[in-house]
């Protein structure tokens, strides 16, 4: 299994995890159930860890796909930018989740504020996840690219075709 394969295998976990964690946390708030809220914290911690793996395999995946026909360096760079922001958000979310879990374990009243902060961080993370996921998909899935990216890539490829003459 190479880095591109591993990257494709794990890159969905932090994206889906952020959404599932948010839904579980929201359910915990609605039901006023601390066990459900604590489960959401575990999901966010897991999501942060999988984001690290996805990010670390990204460079190796880039090395494998960057020379394939139809691959745009511009799209790869855009994806890297979104991935760095998403990783940062999930590391913050995971760190606040660990802290809140500790406060819950110690039965400290400050934990209720941690859950509110986590809810806000998770919404932000979900928003960023849309961009990181879409920009990653655009690299090899031409069917989801915006027209501007397809036109730019097509004109770039045509220029390269003439260079071979």
N, C-alpha and C. Protein backbone atom coordinates (compact mmCIF):
# COMPACT_ATOMS: atom_id res chain seq x y z
N UNK A 1 0.86 -1.17 0.00
CA UNK A 1 0.00 0.00 0.00
C UNK A 1 0.90 1.23 0.00
N UNK A 2 0.75 2.09 -1.01
CA UNK A 2 1.56 3.30 -1.08
C UNK A 2 0.84 4.46 -0.39
N UNK A 3 1.51 5.62 -0.32
CA UNK A 3 0.93 6.77 0.38
C UNK A 3 -0.37 7.26 -0.27
N UNK A 4 -0.45 7.18 -1.59
CA UNK A 4 -1.68 7.61 -2.26
C UNK A 4 -2.86 6.73 -1.83
N UNK A 5 -2.62 5.42 -1.78
CA UNK A 5 -3.67 4.48 -1.36
C UNK A 5 -4.05 4.72 0.09
N UNK A 6 -3.05 4.87 0.95
CA UNK A 6 -3.33 5.11 2.37
C UNK A 6 -4.05 6.44 2.56
N UNK A 7 -3.63 7.46 1.81
CA UNK A 7 -4.28 8.77 1.90
C UNK A 7 -5.76 8.66 1.52
N UNK A 8 -6.03 7.94 0.45
CA UNK A 8 -7.42 7.76 0.02
C UNK A 8 -8.22 6.93 1.02
N UNK A 9 -7.55 6.01 1.70
CA UNK A 9 -8.25 5.17 2.68
C UNK A 9 -8.63 5.93 3.94
N UNK A 10 -7.80 6.89 4.36
CA UNK A 10 -8.06 7.57 5.65
C UNK A 10 -8.61 8.99 5.52
N UNK A 11 -8.52 9.60 4.34
CA UNK A 11 -8.88 11.02 4.26
C UNK A 11 -10.35 11.31 4.52
N UNK A 12 -11.21 10.34 4.39
CA UNK A 12 -12.63 10.56 4.65
C UNK A 12 -12.96 10.51 6.15
N UNK A 13 -12.12 9.84 6.92
CA UNK A 13 -12.42 9.66 8.34
C UNK A 13 -12.53 10.98 9.11
N UNK A 14 -11.58 11.90 8.99
CA UNK A 14 -11.73 13.15 9.74
C UNK A 14 -12.91 14.00 9.26
N UNK A 15 -13.20 13.95 7.98
CA UNK A 15 -14.32 14.73 7.44
C UNK A 15 -15.64 14.20 7.98
N UNK A 16 -15.84 12.90 7.84
CA UNK A 16 -17.07 12.28 8.33
C UNK A 16 -17.12 12.32 9.85
N UNK A 17 -15.97 12.15 10.50
CA UNK A 17 -15.91 12.18 11.95
C UNK A 17 -16.35 13.51 12.54
N UNK A 18 -15.94 14.60 11.89
CA UNK A 18 -16.34 15.93 12.38
C UNK A 18 -17.86 16.08 12.32
N UNK A 19 -18.46 15.60 11.24
CA UNK A 19 -19.92 15.69 11.10
C UNK A 19 -20.63 14.78 12.10
N UNK A 20 -20.18 13.55 12.21
CA UNK A 20 -20.82 12.61 13.15
C UNK A 20 -20.64 13.10 14.59
N UNK A 21 -19.44 13.57 14.92
CA UNK A 21 -19.20 14.10 16.26
C UNK A 21 -20.14 15.24 16.59
N UNK A 22 -20.33 16.15 15.62
CA UNK A 22 -21.26 17.27 15.82
C UNK A 22 -22.67 16.76 16.08
N UNK A 23 -23.13 15.80 15.27
CA UNK A 23 -24.48 15.28 15.44
C UNK A 23 -24.65 14.56 16.77
N UNK A 24 -23.64 13.83 17.18
CA UNK A 24 -23.70 13.14 18.48
C UNK A 24 -23.70 14.17 19.61
N UNK A 25 -22.85 15.19 19.51
CA UNK A 25 -22.82 16.22 20.55
C UNK A 25 -24.14 16.97 20.62
N UNK A 26 -24.71 17.29 19.48
CA UNK A 26 -26.00 17.97 19.45
C UNK A 26 -27.08 17.10 20.10
N UNK A 27 -27.04 15.81 19.81
CA UNK A 27 -27.97 14.86 20.44
C UNK A 27 -27.78 14.86 21.95
N UNK A 28 -26.53 14.88 22.40
CA UNK A 28 -26.26 14.92 23.83
C UNK A 28 -26.80 16.17 24.50
N UNK A 29 -26.70 17.30 23.80
CA UNK A 29 -27.27 18.54 24.33
C UNK A 29 -28.79 18.45 24.41
N UNK A 30 -29.41 17.96 23.35
CA UNK A 30 -30.87 17.87 23.29
C UNK A 30 -31.39 16.93 24.36
N UNK A 31 -30.73 15.79 24.52
CA UNK A 31 -31.18 14.78 25.50
C UNK A 31 -30.63 15.05 26.91
N UNK A 32 -29.76 16.05 27.01
CA UNK A 32 -29.11 16.38 28.29
C UNK A 32 -28.46 15.14 28.91
N UNK A 33 -27.69 14.45 28.05
CA UNK A 33 -27.08 13.19 28.46
C UNK A 33 -25.55 13.34 28.38
N UNK A 34 -24.87 13.34 29.54
CA UNK A 34 -23.42 13.53 29.54
C UNK A 34 -22.65 12.39 28.86
N UNK A 35 -23.17 11.17 28.89
CA UNK A 35 -22.49 10.05 28.23
C UNK A 35 -22.46 10.25 26.72
N UNK A 36 -23.55 10.74 26.17
CA UNK A 36 -23.60 10.98 24.73
C UNK A 36 -22.63 12.11 24.37
N UNK A 37 -22.59 13.15 25.18
CA UNK A 37 -21.66 14.26 24.92
C UNK A 37 -20.22 13.78 25.02
N UNK A 38 -19.93 12.91 25.99
CA UNK A 38 -18.57 12.37 26.12
C UNK A 38 -18.20 11.49 24.93
N UNK A 39 -19.17 10.79 24.39
CA UNK A 39 -18.94 9.98 23.19
C UNK A 39 -18.53 10.88 22.03
N UNK A 40 -19.18 12.03 21.92
CA UNK A 40 -18.83 12.99 20.86
C UNK A 40 -17.38 13.44 21.03
N UNK A 41 -16.93 13.64 22.26
CA UNK A 41 -15.54 14.04 22.50
C UNK A 41 -14.59 12.98 21.97
N UNK A 42 -14.91 11.73 22.21
CA UNK A 42 -14.08 10.63 21.70
C UNK A 42 -14.04 10.62 20.18
N UNK A 43 -15.17 10.91 19.55
CA UNK A 43 -15.21 10.97 18.09
C UNK A 43 -14.33 12.10 17.58
N UNK A 44 -14.37 13.25 18.24
CA UNK A 44 -13.54 14.38 17.82
C UNK A 44 -12.05 14.09 18.00
N UNK A 45 -11.70 13.40 19.08
CA UNK A 45 -10.30 13.03 19.30
C UNK A 45 -9.84 12.06 18.21
N UNK A 46 -10.67 11.08 17.92
CA UNK A 46 -10.36 10.13 16.84
C UNK A 46 -10.22 10.86 15.50
N UNK A 47 -11.11 11.79 15.23
CA UNK A 47 -11.06 12.56 13.98
C UNK A 47 -9.77 13.35 13.87
N UNK A 48 -9.33 13.93 14.97
CA UNK A 48 -8.07 14.69 14.96
C UNK A 48 -6.89 13.77 14.65
N UNK A 49 -6.89 12.59 15.23
CA UNK A 49 -5.81 11.64 14.98
C UNK A 49 -5.80 11.17 13.52
N UNK A 50 -6.98 10.92 12.97
CA UNK A 50 -7.03 10.49 11.56
C UNK A 50 -6.67 11.64 10.62
N UNK A 51 -6.93 12.87 11.04
CA UNK A 51 -6.54 14.03 10.23
C UNK A 51 -5.01 14.11 10.13
N UNK A 52 -4.33 13.78 11.21
CA UNK A 52 -2.86 13.77 11.20
C UNK A 52 -2.37 12.73 10.19
N UNK A 53 -2.95 11.55 10.21
CA UNK A 53 -2.54 10.49 9.27
C UNK A 53 -2.83 10.93 7.83
N UNK A 54 -4.01 11.48 7.59
CA UNK A 54 -4.35 11.93 6.23
C UNK A 54 -3.38 13.01 5.77
N UNK A 55 -3.04 13.93 6.65
CA UNK A 55 -2.14 15.02 6.28
C UNK A 55 -0.73 14.49 6.01
N UNK A 56 -0.26 13.58 6.85
CA UNK A 56 1.10 13.06 6.68
C UNK A 56 1.26 12.21 5.42
N UNK A 57 0.19 11.59 4.97
CA UNK A 57 0.26 10.80 3.73
C UNK A 57 -0.01 11.65 2.50
N UNK A 58 -0.43 12.88 2.69
CA UNK A 58 -0.75 13.75 1.56
C UNK A 58 0.44 14.06 0.67
N UNK A 59 1.59 14.32 1.26
CA UNK A 59 2.78 14.65 0.47
C UNK A 59 3.20 13.46 -0.40
N UNK A 60 3.16 12.27 0.18
CA UNK A 60 3.49 11.07 -0.60
C UNK A 60 2.49 10.83 -1.72
N UNK A 61 1.22 11.10 -1.44
CA UNK A 61 0.19 10.96 -2.46
C UNK A 61 0.42 11.96 -3.59
N UNK A 62 0.83 13.17 -3.23
CA UNK A 62 1.12 14.19 -4.25
C UNK A 62 2.26 13.73 -5.15
N UNK A 63 3.31 13.18 -4.56
CA UNK A 63 4.46 12.72 -5.35
C UNK A 63 4.04 11.67 -6.38
N UNK A 64 3.06 10.85 -6.02
CA UNK A 64 2.62 9.78 -6.90
C UNK A 64 1.73 10.31 -8.03
N UNK A 65 0.83 11.26 -7.72
CA UNK A 65 -0.15 11.68 -8.73
C UNK A 65 0.25 12.92 -9.52
N UNK A 66 1.21 13.71 -9.06
CA UNK A 66 1.49 15.00 -9.71
C UNK A 66 1.95 14.88 -11.16
N UNK A 67 2.52 13.76 -11.55
CA UNK A 67 2.98 13.60 -12.93
C UNK A 67 2.01 12.84 -13.82
N UNK A 68 0.86 12.50 -13.27
CA UNK A 68 -0.16 11.81 -14.07
C UNK A 68 -0.82 12.81 -15.02
N UNK A 69 -1.28 12.34 -16.18
CA UNK A 69 -1.95 13.25 -17.12
C UNK A 69 -3.24 13.82 -16.51
N UNK A 70 -3.46 15.10 -16.75
CA UNK A 70 -4.69 15.75 -16.29
C UNK A 70 -4.66 16.24 -14.86
N UNK A 71 -3.51 16.12 -14.19
CA UNK A 71 -3.40 16.56 -12.80
C UNK A 71 -2.87 17.99 -12.78
N UNK A 72 -3.54 18.84 -12.04
CA UNK A 72 -3.20 20.26 -11.97
C UNK A 72 -2.46 20.56 -10.67
N UNK A 73 -1.29 21.17 -10.80
CA UNK A 73 -0.52 21.60 -9.62
C UNK A 73 -1.30 22.65 -8.84
N UNK A 74 -2.05 23.48 -9.55
CA UNK A 74 -2.87 24.51 -8.90
C UNK A 74 -3.90 23.87 -7.98
N UNK A 75 -4.56 22.82 -8.45
CA UNK A 75 -5.56 22.14 -7.63
C UNK A 75 -4.92 21.44 -6.43
N UNK A 76 -3.75 20.87 -6.63
CA UNK A 76 -3.04 20.22 -5.52
C UNK A 76 -2.70 21.27 -4.47
N UNK A 77 -2.18 22.42 -4.90
CA UNK A 77 -1.81 23.48 -3.95
C UNK A 77 -3.04 23.99 -3.19
N UNK A 78 -4.15 24.17 -3.89
CA UNK A 78 -5.39 24.61 -3.24
C UNK A 78 -5.82 23.60 -2.18
N UNK A 79 -5.72 22.33 -2.51
CA UNK A 79 -6.09 21.28 -1.56
C UNK A 79 -5.16 21.29 -0.34
N UNK A 80 -3.87 21.47 -0.57
CA UNK A 80 -2.91 21.54 0.54
C UNK A 80 -3.24 22.68 1.49
N UNK A 81 -3.60 23.83 0.94
CA UNK A 81 -3.96 24.99 1.77
C UNK A 81 -5.17 24.67 2.64
N UNK A 82 -6.20 24.09 2.05
CA UNK A 82 -7.40 23.73 2.81
C UNK A 82 -7.08 22.65 3.84
N UNK A 83 -6.22 21.70 3.47
CA UNK A 83 -5.87 20.60 4.38
C UNK A 83 -5.12 21.12 5.60
N UNK A 84 -4.23 22.08 5.40
CA UNK A 84 -3.50 22.66 6.55
C UNK A 84 -4.46 23.33 7.52
N UNK A 85 -5.42 24.08 6.99
CA UNK A 85 -6.40 24.76 7.84
C UNK A 85 -7.28 23.74 8.56
N UNK A 86 -7.72 22.72 7.83
CA UNK A 86 -8.57 21.69 8.43
C UNK A 86 -7.82 20.93 9.52
N UNK A 87 -6.57 20.58 9.26
CA UNK A 87 -5.77 19.89 10.26
C UNK A 87 -5.64 20.75 11.52
N UNK A 88 -5.36 22.03 11.34
CA UNK A 88 -5.24 22.93 12.49
C UNK A 88 -6.54 22.97 13.29
N UNK A 89 -7.65 23.10 12.60
CA UNK A 89 -8.96 23.14 13.29
C UNK A 89 -9.23 21.84 14.04
N UNK A 90 -8.93 20.72 13.41
CA UNK A 90 -9.21 19.45 14.09
C UNK A 90 -8.26 19.20 15.26
N UNK A 91 -7.03 19.68 15.16
CA UNK A 91 -6.13 19.55 16.30
C UNK A 91 -6.61 20.40 17.47
N UNK A 92 -7.11 21.59 17.17
CA UNK A 92 -7.68 22.43 18.23
C UNK A 92 -8.92 21.75 18.80
N UNK A 93 -9.79 21.27 17.93
CA UNK A 93 -11.01 20.57 18.36
C UNK A 93 -10.67 19.35 19.21
N UNK A 94 -9.69 18.57 18.78
CA UNK A 94 -9.27 17.40 19.55
C UNK A 94 -8.67 17.79 20.89
N UNK A 95 -7.86 18.84 20.90
CA UNK A 95 -7.25 19.30 22.16
C UNK A 95 -8.27 19.81 23.15
N UNK A 96 -9.23 20.59 22.66
CA UNK A 96 -10.29 21.09 23.55
C UNK A 96 -11.16 19.93 24.01
N UNK A 97 -11.35 18.94 23.15
CA UNK A 97 -12.12 17.75 23.54
C UNK A 97 -11.43 16.98 24.66
N UNK A 98 -10.11 16.81 24.55
CA UNK A 98 -9.36 16.12 25.61
C UNK A 98 -9.46 16.91 26.92
N UNK A 99 -9.30 18.22 26.83
CA UNK A 99 -9.37 19.06 28.02
C UNK A 99 -10.75 18.98 28.66
N UNK A 100 -11.79 19.05 27.84
CA UNK A 100 -13.16 18.97 28.35
C UNK A 100 -13.45 17.60 28.95
N UNK A 101 -12.94 16.57 28.33
CA UNK A 101 -13.11 15.22 28.87
C UNK A 101 -12.46 15.11 30.24
N UNK A 102 -11.28 15.71 30.39
CA UNK A 102 -10.60 15.73 31.69
C UNK A 102 -11.43 16.51 32.72
N UNK A 103 -11.96 17.66 32.32
CA UNK A 103 -12.80 18.46 33.24
C UNK A 103 -14.05 17.69 33.64
N UNK A 104 -14.62 16.95 32.70
CA UNK A 104 -15.78 16.11 33.00
C UNK A 104 -15.41 15.01 33.99
N UNK A 105 -14.28 14.38 33.76
CA UNK A 105 -13.81 13.31 34.63
C UNK A 105 -13.61 13.82 36.07
N UNK A 106 -13.07 15.03 36.19
CA UNK A 106 -12.84 15.64 37.51
C UNK A 106 -14.10 16.28 38.08
N UNK A 107 -15.18 16.22 37.30
CA UNK A 107 -16.48 16.80 37.70
C UNK A 107 -16.38 18.30 37.99
N UNK A 108 -15.60 19.00 37.18
CA UNK A 108 -15.45 20.44 37.34
C UNK A 108 -16.54 21.17 36.54
N UNK A 109 -17.07 22.24 37.10
CA UNK A 109 -18.18 22.93 36.45
C UNK A 109 -17.79 23.61 35.12
N UNK A 110 -16.50 23.82 34.90
CA UNK A 110 -16.05 24.47 33.66
C UNK A 110 -16.30 23.63 32.42
N UNK A 111 -16.56 22.35 32.61
CA UNK A 111 -16.72 21.47 31.45
C UNK A 111 -17.90 21.89 30.58
N UNK A 112 -18.94 22.47 31.16
CA UNK A 112 -20.10 22.88 30.36
C UNK A 112 -19.70 23.93 29.33
N UNK A 113 -18.73 24.78 29.66
CA UNK A 113 -18.26 25.78 28.70
C UNK A 113 -17.43 25.12 27.59
N UNK A 114 -16.71 24.07 27.97
CA UNK A 114 -15.92 23.33 26.97
C UNK A 114 -16.82 22.73 25.90
N UNK A 115 -17.97 22.20 26.33
CA UNK A 115 -18.89 21.60 25.36
C UNK A 115 -19.44 22.64 24.38
N UNK A 116 -19.71 23.84 24.87
CA UNK A 116 -20.20 24.91 23.99
C UNK A 116 -19.11 25.31 22.99
N UNK A 117 -17.89 25.45 23.48
CA UNK A 117 -16.77 25.79 22.59
C UNK A 117 -16.59 24.69 21.54
N UNK A 118 -16.69 23.45 21.97
CA UNK A 118 -16.53 22.32 21.05
C UNK A 118 -17.63 22.32 19.99
N UNK A 119 -18.84 22.63 20.40
CA UNK A 119 -19.94 22.70 19.44
C UNK A 119 -19.63 23.74 18.36
N UNK A 120 -19.15 24.90 18.76
CA UNK A 120 -18.80 25.96 17.80
C UNK A 120 -17.61 25.56 16.92
N UNK A 121 -16.59 24.96 17.53
CA UNK A 121 -15.43 24.50 16.76
C UNK A 121 -15.82 23.42 15.76
N UNK A 122 -16.74 22.55 16.16
CA UNK A 122 -17.14 21.47 15.25
C UNK A 122 -17.90 22.02 14.05
N UNK A 123 -18.74 23.03 14.25
CA UNK A 123 -19.45 23.64 13.12
C UNK A 123 -18.45 24.26 12.15
N UNK A 124 -17.46 24.96 12.70
CA UNK A 124 -16.41 25.56 11.86
C UNK A 124 -15.64 24.47 11.12
N UNK A 125 -15.32 23.40 11.81
CA UNK A 125 -14.58 22.29 11.19
C UNK A 125 -15.38 21.66 10.05
N UNK A 126 -16.67 21.53 10.23
CA UNK A 126 -17.51 20.96 9.18
C UNK A 126 -17.48 21.86 7.95
N UNK A 127 -17.54 23.17 8.17
CA UNK A 127 -17.47 24.10 7.05
C UNK A 127 -16.17 23.97 6.28
N UNK A 128 -15.07 23.88 6.99
CA UNK A 128 -13.76 23.73 6.35
C UNK A 128 -13.65 22.37 5.67
N UNK A 129 -14.25 21.35 6.25
CA UNK A 129 -14.16 20.00 5.69
C UNK A 129 -14.77 19.95 4.29
N UNK A 130 -15.77 20.76 4.04
CA UNK A 130 -16.39 20.81 2.71
C UNK A 130 -15.35 21.23 1.68
N UNK A 131 -14.55 22.23 2.03
CA UNK A 131 -13.55 22.74 1.09
C UNK A 131 -12.38 21.76 0.91
N UNK A 132 -11.94 21.15 2.00
CA UNK A 132 -10.81 20.22 1.86
C UNK A 132 -11.23 18.98 1.08
N UNK A 133 -12.43 18.50 1.33
CA UNK A 133 -12.90 17.32 0.61
C UNK A 133 -13.13 17.59 -0.87
N UNK A 134 -13.78 18.70 -1.17
CA UNK A 134 -14.05 19.04 -2.57
C UNK A 134 -12.75 19.32 -3.32
N UNK A 135 -11.85 20.09 -2.70
CA UNK A 135 -10.59 20.41 -3.40
C UNK A 135 -9.75 19.16 -3.61
N UNK A 136 -9.80 18.20 -2.70
CA UNK A 136 -9.09 16.95 -2.89
C UNK A 136 -9.70 16.12 -4.01
N UNK A 137 -11.02 16.07 -4.05
CA UNK A 137 -11.70 15.33 -5.11
C UNK A 137 -11.46 15.91 -6.48
N UNK A 138 -11.35 17.24 -6.56
CA UNK A 138 -11.14 17.90 -7.86
C UNK A 138 -9.81 17.51 -8.50
N UNK A 139 -8.86 17.06 -7.70
CA UNK A 139 -7.54 16.74 -8.24
C UNK A 139 -7.64 15.64 -9.29
N UNK A 140 -8.37 14.58 -9.01
CA UNK A 140 -8.45 13.48 -9.96
C UNK A 140 -9.85 13.25 -10.53
N UNK A 141 -10.84 13.91 -10.01
CA UNK A 141 -12.21 13.74 -10.50
C UNK A 141 -12.62 14.97 -11.31
N UNK A 142 -12.39 14.91 -12.62
CA UNK A 142 -12.68 16.08 -13.45
C UNK A 142 -14.18 16.40 -13.47
N UNK A 143 -15.01 15.41 -13.18
CA UNK A 143 -16.45 15.64 -13.24
C UNK A 143 -16.97 16.57 -12.14
N UNK A 144 -16.17 16.82 -11.09
CA UNK A 144 -16.62 17.73 -10.03
C UNK A 144 -15.90 19.07 -10.07
N UNK A 145 -15.00 19.25 -11.02
CA UNK A 145 -14.29 20.52 -11.12
C UNK A 145 -15.21 21.61 -11.63
N UNK A 146 -14.93 22.83 -11.19
CA UNK A 146 -15.68 23.97 -11.74
C UNK A 146 -15.22 24.19 -13.19
N UNK A 147 -16.02 24.82 -13.99
CA UNK A 147 -15.69 25.05 -15.40
C UNK A 147 -14.36 25.79 -15.55
N UNK A 148 -14.09 26.75 -14.68
CA UNK A 148 -12.86 27.53 -14.78
C UNK A 148 -11.63 26.63 -14.63
N UNK A 149 -11.69 25.70 -13.69
CA UNK A 149 -10.55 24.81 -13.49
C UNK A 149 -10.37 23.86 -14.67
N UNK A 150 -11.47 23.38 -15.25
CA UNK A 150 -11.38 22.47 -16.38
C UNK A 150 -10.80 23.21 -17.58
N UNK A 151 -11.29 24.42 -17.82
CA UNK A 151 -10.78 25.21 -18.95
C UNK A 151 -9.30 25.51 -18.78
N UNK A 152 -8.91 25.91 -17.56
CA UNK A 152 -7.50 26.22 -17.29
C UNK A 152 -6.64 24.98 -17.52
N UNK A 153 -7.07 23.84 -17.05
CA UNK A 153 -6.30 22.62 -17.21
C UNK A 153 -6.25 22.20 -18.67
N UNK A 154 -7.39 22.32 -19.37
CA UNK A 154 -7.41 21.95 -20.79
C UNK A 154 -6.44 22.80 -21.59
N UNK A 155 -6.43 24.10 -21.34
CA UNK A 155 -5.53 24.97 -22.10
C UNK A 155 -4.07 24.67 -21.75
N UNK A 156 -3.80 24.33 -20.50
CA UNK A 156 -2.44 23.97 -20.09
C UNK A 156 -2.00 22.68 -20.80
N UNK A 157 -2.88 21.70 -20.85
CA UNK A 157 -2.55 20.43 -21.51
C UNK A 157 -2.34 20.62 -23.01
N UNK A 158 -3.13 21.48 -23.64
CA UNK A 158 -2.96 21.73 -25.07
C UNK A 158 -1.63 22.40 -25.36
N UNK A 159 -1.21 23.32 -24.47
CA UNK A 159 0.09 23.95 -24.63
C UNK A 159 1.21 22.92 -24.54
N UNK A 160 1.08 21.99 -23.61
CA UNK A 160 2.09 20.94 -23.44
C UNK A 160 2.11 19.99 -24.64
N UNK A 161 0.93 19.75 -25.26
CA UNK A 161 0.87 18.89 -26.43
C UNK A 161 1.65 19.51 -27.60
N UNK A 162 1.58 20.84 -27.73
CA UNK A 162 2.29 21.52 -28.80
C UNK A 162 3.80 21.53 -28.55
N UNK A 163 4.21 21.47 -27.29
CA UNK A 163 5.63 21.46 -26.98
C UNK A 163 6.31 20.19 -27.47
N UNK A 164 5.54 19.12 -27.60
CA UNK A 164 6.11 17.84 -28.04
C UNK A 164 6.35 17.80 -29.54
N UNK A 165 5.78 18.75 -30.28
CA UNK A 165 5.92 18.74 -31.75
C UNK A 165 7.30 19.08 -32.22
